[in-house]
Amino acid sequence: MKPYRDLTVYNIIFPIFMFYISPTFFGLAAAFNLIIDALVLFAFLRFFNIKLKRRIPLLMQLWGIGLLADVLGSFVLLLAAVGGKWLPIPVIDEYAIYSSPLSILTFCVAILISAQLIYWLDLKVLKRRLTVNQSRRIALVFAIVTAPYTFLIPTVWFL
């Protein structure tokens, strides 16, 4: 039997992309997303001198869309992790992202899927309140800045 100090419990530490799915960490991820979304939206509106009467409801809609896209990106990675167990070569390594080119590519594809969802859904919401050009610009900025880049943080760094 191993002494207590040599015991390592790997199942306690989730892969970073699971924070969006796990109820324990979802609140933390949601709070950080709200802060980033608020900074991006208010900075963009101020920089382009766009006046909106109801900014907070718009922020809440964009925040919800961002969270939904991040969760869907997490599910893509979860499906790749679970589905990859039956393949001869693993598709992703949940803990050491940079272990293979296929793993890196899969994580980047999940980020791009989330960013594309953010763009499309934000564009639909923003078209109701702003001009088409303004809506496209804000949706593009949100897609680029608020994409779930945290997926690229390897969990191995925290072990």
C-alpha atoms as a PDB file:
ATOM      1  CA  MET A   1       0.000   0.000   0.000  1.00  0.00           C
ATOM      2  CA  LYS A   2       1.277   3.453  -0.925  1.00  0.00           C
ATOM      3  CA  PRO A   3       1.893   6.027   1.764  1.00  0.00           C
ATOM      4  CA  TYR A   4      -0.602   8.898   1.828  1.00  0.00           C
ATOM      5  CA  ARG A   5       1.893  11.481   0.567  1.00  0.00           C
ATOM      6  CA  ASP A   6       2.530   9.434  -2.606  1.00  0.00           C
ATOM      7  CA  LEU A   7      -1.155   9.076  -3.428  1.00  0.00           C
ATOM      8  CA  THR A   8      -2.334  11.015  -6.475  1.00  0.00           C
ATOM      9  CA  VAL A   9      -6.020  11.204  -7.285  1.00  0.00           C
ATOM     10  CA  TYR A  10      -6.376  12.226 -10.925  1.00  0.00           C
ATOM     11  CA  ASN A  11     -10.155  11.987 -11.174  1.00  0.00           C
ATOM     12  CA  ILE A  12     -10.674  14.939  -8.847  1.00  0.00           C
ATOM     13  CA  ILE A  13      -9.151  17.392 -11.332  1.00  0.00           C
ATOM     14  CA  PHE A  14     -11.379  17.952 -14.363  1.00  0.00           C
ATOM     15  CA  PRO A  15     -10.067  18.858 -17.776  1.00  0.00           C
ATOM     16  CA  ILE A  16     -10.428  22.624 -18.114  1.00  0.00           C
ATOM     17  CA  PHE A  17     -13.127  22.363 -20.788  1.00  0.00           C
ATOM     18  CA  MET A  18     -15.341  20.503 -18.301  1.00  0.00           C
ATOM     19  CA  PHE A  19     -15.741  23.674 -16.201  1.00  0.00           C
ATOM     20  CA  TYR A  20     -18.588  24.676 -18.509  1.00  0.00           C
ATOM     21  CA  ILE A  21     -20.386  21.392 -17.922  1.00  0.00           C
ATOM     22  CA  SER A  22     -19.650  20.702 -14.259  1.00  0.00           C
ATOM     23  CA  PRO A  23     -22.202  22.354 -11.931  1.00  0.00           C
ATOM     24  CA  THR A  24     -19.481  23.042  -9.382  1.00  0.00           C
ATOM     25  CA  PHE A  25     -17.433  25.238 -11.683  1.00  0.00           C
ATOM     26  CA  PHE A  26     -20.142  26.539 -14.005  1.00  0.00           C
ATOM     27  CA  GLY A  27     -20.809  29.519 -11.734  1.00  0.00           C
ATOM     28  CA  LEU A  28     -17.147  30.489 -11.793  1.00  0.00           C
ATOM     29  CA  ALA A  29     -16.943  30.178 -15.578  1.00  0.00           C
ATOM     30  CA  ALA A  30     -20.220  32.110 -15.958  1.00  0.00           C
ATOM     31  CA  ALA A  31     -18.986  34.949 -13.730  1.00  0.00           C
ATOM     32  CA  PHE A  32     -15.760  35.328 -15.710  1.00  0.00           C
ATOM     33  CA  ASN A  33     -17.714  35.249 -18.967  1.00  0.00           C
ATOM     34  CA  LEU A  34     -20.058  37.971 -17.706  1.00  0.00           C
ATOM     35  CA  ILE A  35     -17.143  40.230 -16.800  1.00  0.00           C
ATOM     36  CA  ILE A  36     -15.449  39.731 -20.163  1.00  0.00           C
ATOM     37  CA  ASP A  37     -18.707  40.187 -22.092  1.00  0.00           C
ATOM     38  CA  ALA A  38     -19.517  43.393 -20.197  1.00  0.00           C
ATOM     39  CA  LEU A  39     -16.055  44.815 -20.868  1.00  0.00           C
ATOM     40  CA  VAL A  40     -16.243  43.967 -24.573  1.00  0.00           C
ATOM     41  CA  LEU A  41     -19.776  45.287 -25.075  1.00  0.00           C
ATOM     42  CA  PHE A  42     -19.394  48.530 -23.152  1.00  0.00           C
ATOM     43  CA  ALA A  43     -15.963  49.262 -24.651  1.00  0.00           C
ATOM     44  CA  PHE A  44     -17.275  48.648 -28.157  1.00  0.00           C
ATOM     45  CA  LEU A  45     -20.353  50.817 -27.666  1.00  0.00           C
ATOM     46  CA  ARG A  46     -18.241  53.596 -26.197  1.00  0.00           C
ATOM     47  CA  PHE A  47     -15.528  53.372 -28.860  1.00  0.00           C
ATOM     48  CA  PHE A  48     -18.023  53.587 -31.721  1.00  0.00           C
ATOM     49  CA  ASN A  49     -20.228  56.079 -29.862  1.00  0.00           C
ATOM     50  CA  ILE A  50     -23.332  53.905 -30.110  1.00  0.00           C
ATOM     51  CA  LYS A  51     -26.213  54.931 -27.860  1.00  0.00           C
ATOM     52  CA  LEU A  52     -28.472  52.209 -26.499  1.00  0.00           C
ATOM     53  CA  LYS A  53     -31.157  52.698 -23.888  1.00  0.00           C
ATOM     54  CA  ARG A  54     -31.319  49.101 -22.665  1.00  0.00           C
ATOM     55  CA  ARG A  55     -27.717  47.889 -22.430  1.00  0.00           C
ATOM     56  CA  ILE A  56     -28.085  45.477 -19.518  1.00  0.00           C
ATOM     57  CA  PRO A  57     -30.778  43.276 -21.148  1.00  0.00           C
ATOM     58  CA  LEU A  58     -28.630  43.160 -24.302  1.00  0.00           C
ATOM     59  CA  LEU A  59     -25.601  42.190 -22.219  1.00  0.00           C
ATOM     60  CA  MET A  60     -27.576  39.398 -20.551  1.00  0.00           C
ATOM     61  CA  GLN A  61     -28.679  38.028 -23.935  1.00  0.00           C
ATOM     62  CA  LEU A  62     -25.138  38.114 -25.330  1.00  0.00           C
ATOM     63  CA  TRP A  63     -23.807  36.552 -22.138  1.00  0.00           C
ATOM     64  CA  GLY A  64     -26.333  33.715 -22.344  1.00  0.00           C
ATOM     65  CA  ILE A  65     -25.426  33.108 -25.980  1.00  0.00           C
ATOM     66  CA  GLY A  66     -21.736  32.999 -25.084  1.00  0.00           C
ATOM     67  CA  LEU A  67     -22.336  30.505 -22.296  1.00  0.00           C
ATOM     68  CA  LEU A  68     -24.449  28.319 -24.565  1.00  0.00           C
ATOM     69  CA  ALA A  69     -21.741  28.325 -27.235  1.00  0.00           C
ATOM     70  CA  ASP A  70     -19.047  27.491 -24.658  1.00  0.00           C
ATOM     71  CA  VAL A  71     -21.113  24.597 -23.289  1.00  0.00           C
ATOM     72  CA  LEU A  72     -21.689  23.260 -26.804  1.00  0.00           C
ATOM     73  CA  GLY A  73     -17.945  23.491 -27.487  1.00  0.00           C
ATOM     74  CA  SER A  74     -17.352  21.542 -24.275  1.00  0.00           C
ATOM     75  CA  PHE A  75     -19.778  18.863 -25.455  1.00  0.00           C
ATOM     76  CA  VAL A  76     -17.874  18.601 -28.741  1.00  0.00           C
ATOM     77  CA  LEU A  77     -14.691  17.939 -26.770  1.00  0.00           C
ATOM     78  CA  LEU A  78     -16.488  15.538 -24.450  1.00  0.00           C
ATOM     79  CA  LEU A  79     -17.806  13.578 -27.435  1.00  0.00           C
ATOM     80  CA  ALA A  80     -14.310  13.507 -28.945  1.00  0.00           C
ATOM     81  CA  ALA A  81     -12.886  12.257 -25.644  1.00  0.00           C
ATOM     82  CA  VAL A  82     -15.521   9.567 -25.138  1.00  0.00           C
ATOM     83  CA  GLY A  83     -15.705   8.557 -28.799  1.00  0.00           C
ATOM     84  CA  GLY A  84     -11.932   8.497 -29.093  1.00  0.00           C
ATOM     85  CA  LYS A  85     -11.691   5.752 -26.470  1.00  0.00           C
ATOM     86  CA  TRP A  86     -12.951   3.205 -29.025  1.00  0.00           C
ATOM     87  CA  LEU A  87     -10.565   4.272 -31.791  1.00  0.00           C
ATOM     88  CA  PRO A  88      -7.088   2.791 -32.178  1.00  0.00           C
ATOM     89  CA  ILE A  89      -5.496   6.218 -31.614  1.00  0.00           C
ATOM     90  CA  PRO A  90      -6.910   8.686 -29.093  1.00  0.00           C
ATOM     91  CA  VAL A  91      -8.516  11.756 -30.646  1.00  0.00           C
ATOM     92  CA  ILE A  92      -7.734  14.038 -27.710  1.00  0.00           C
ATOM     93  CA  ASP A  93      -5.843  13.864 -24.476  1.00  0.00           C
ATOM     94  CA  GLU A  94      -8.080  15.679 -21.989  1.00  0.00           C
ATOM     95  CA  TYR A  95      -5.252  16.502 -19.604  1.00  0.00           C
ATOM     96  CA  ALA A  96      -2.287  17.132 -21.926  1.00  0.00           C
ATOM     97  CA  ILE A  97      -3.797  18.980 -24.867  1.00  0.00           C
ATOM     98  CA  TYR A  98      -0.511  19.429 -26.718  1.00  0.00           C
ATOM     99  CA  SER A  99       0.358  15.718 -26.722  1.00  0.00           C
ATOM    100  CA  SER A 100      -0.515  15.181 -30.399  1.00  0.00           C
ATOM    101  CA  PRO A 101      -1.355  17.268 -33.464  1.00  0.00           C
ATOM    102  CA  LEU A 102      -4.774  15.615 -33.658  1.00  0.00           C
ATOM    103  CA  SER A 103      -5.542  16.676 -30.093  1.00  0.00           C
ATOM    104  CA  ILE A 104      -4.522  20.279 -30.789  1.00  0.00           C
ATOM    105  CA  LEU A 105      -6.606  20.314 -33.971  1.00  0.00           C
ATOM    106  CA  THR A 106      -9.652  18.943 -32.160  1.00  0.00           C
ATOM    107  CA  PHE A 107      -9.433  21.601 -29.448  1.00  0.00           C
ATOM    108  CA  CYS A 108      -9.017  24.357 -32.054  1.00  0.00           C
ATOM    109  CA  VAL A 109     -12.028  23.057 -33.998  1.00  0.00           C
ATOM    110  CA  ALA A 110     -14.126  23.134 -30.808  1.00  0.00           C
ATOM    111  CA  ILE A 111     -13.076  26.751 -30.220  1.00  0.00           C
ATOM    112  CA  LEU A 112     -13.937  27.656 -33.816  1.00  0.00           C
ATOM    113  CA  ILE A 113     -17.345  25.977 -33.523  1.00  0.00           C
ATOM    114  CA  SER A 114     -18.059  27.980 -30.371  1.00  0.00           C
ATOM    115  CA  ALA A 115     -16.865  31.209 -31.986  1.00  0.00           C
ATOM    116  CA  GLN A 116     -19.042  30.597 -35.048  1.00  0.00           C
ATOM    117  CA  LEU A 117     -22.079  29.955 -32.849  1.00  0.00           C
ATOM    118  CA  ILE A 118     -21.359  33.140 -30.900  1.00  0.00           C
ATOM    119  CA  TYR A 119     -21.175  35.117 -34.148  1.00  0.00           C
ATOM    120  CA  TRP A 120     -24.389  33.742 -35.675  1.00  0.00           C
ATOM    121  CA  LEU A 121     -26.515  33.978 -32.561  1.00  0.00           C
ATOM    122  CA  ASP A 122     -25.173  37.397 -31.515  1.00  0.00           C
ATOM    123  CA  LEU A 123     -25.820  38.680 -35.013  1.00  0.00           C
ATOM    124  CA  LYS A 124     -29.481  37.597 -34.797  1.00  0.00           C
ATOM    125  CA  VAL A 125     -29.914  39.381 -31.448  1.00  0.00           C
ATOM    126  CA  LEU A 126     -28.033  42.521 -32.446  1.00  0.00           C
ATOM    127  CA  LYS A 127     -29.858  42.999 -35.770  1.00  0.00           C
ATOM    128  CA  ARG A 128     -33.014  43.810 -33.817  1.00  0.00           C
ATOM    129  CA  ARG A 129     -31.376  46.786 -32.094  1.00  0.00           C
ATOM    130  CA  LEU A 130     -28.603  48.081 -34.354  1.00  0.00           C
ATOM    131  CA  THR A 131     -27.801  48.535 -38.036  1.00  0.00           C
ATOM    132  CA  VAL A 132     -26.522  45.539 -39.982  1.00  0.00           C
ATOM    133  CA  ASN A 133     -22.938  46.881 -40.129  1.00  0.00           C
ATOM    134  CA  GLN A 134     -22.848  47.628 -36.415  1.00  0.00           C
ATOM    135  CA  SER A 135     -24.353  44.220 -35.656  1.00  0.00           C
ATOM    136  CA  ARG A 136     -21.767  42.409 -37.777  1.00  0.00           C
ATOM    137  CA  ARG A 137     -18.903  44.292 -36.158  1.00  0.00           C
ATOM    138  CA  ILE A 138     -20.046  43.660 -32.604  1.00  0.00           C
ATOM    139  CA  ALA A 139     -20.843  40.004 -33.345  1.00  0.00           C
ATOM    140  CA  LEU A 140     -17.406  39.527 -34.911  1.00  0.00           C
ATOM    141  CA  VAL A 141     -15.654  41.173 -31.960  1.00  0.00           C
ATOM    142  CA  PHE A 142     -17.613  38.981 -29.548  1.00  0.00           C
ATOM    143  CA  ALA A 143     -16.811  35.847 -31.567  1.00  0.00           C
ATOM    144  CA  ILE A 144     -13.088  36.618 -31.577  1.00  0.00           C
ATOM    145  CA  VAL A 145     -12.637  37.977 -28.057  1.00  0.00           C
ATOM    146  CA  THR A 146     -15.036  35.771 -26.096  1.00  0.00           C
ATOM    147  CA  ALA A 147     -14.340  32.408 -27.754  1.00  0.00           C
ATOM    148  CA  PRO A 148     -13.498  29.760 -25.132  1.00  0.00           C
ATOM    149  CA  TYR A 149      -9.708  29.993 -25.283  1.00  0.00           C
ATOM    150  CA  THR A 150      -9.605  28.388 -21.846  1.00  0.00           C
ATOM    151  CA  PHE A 151      -9.940  25.076 -23.694  1.00  0.00           C
ATOM    152  CA  LEU A 152      -6.271  25.504 -24.624  1.00  0.00           C
ATOM    153  CA  ILE A 153      -5.121  25.437 -20.998  1.00  0.00           C
ATOM    154  CA  PRO A 154      -3.754  21.960 -20.269  1.00  0.00           C
ATOM    155  CA  THR A 155      -4.945  20.423 -17.037  1.00  0.00           C
ATOM    156  CA  VAL A 156      -1.462  18.942 -16.548  1.00  0.00           C
ATOM    157  CA  TRP A 157      -0.298  22.389 -15.437  1.00  0.00           C
ATOM    158  CA  PHE A 158      -2.491  22.047 -12.334  1.00  0.00           C
ATOM    159  CA  LEU A 159      -1.439  18.551 -11.285  1.00  0.00           C
END
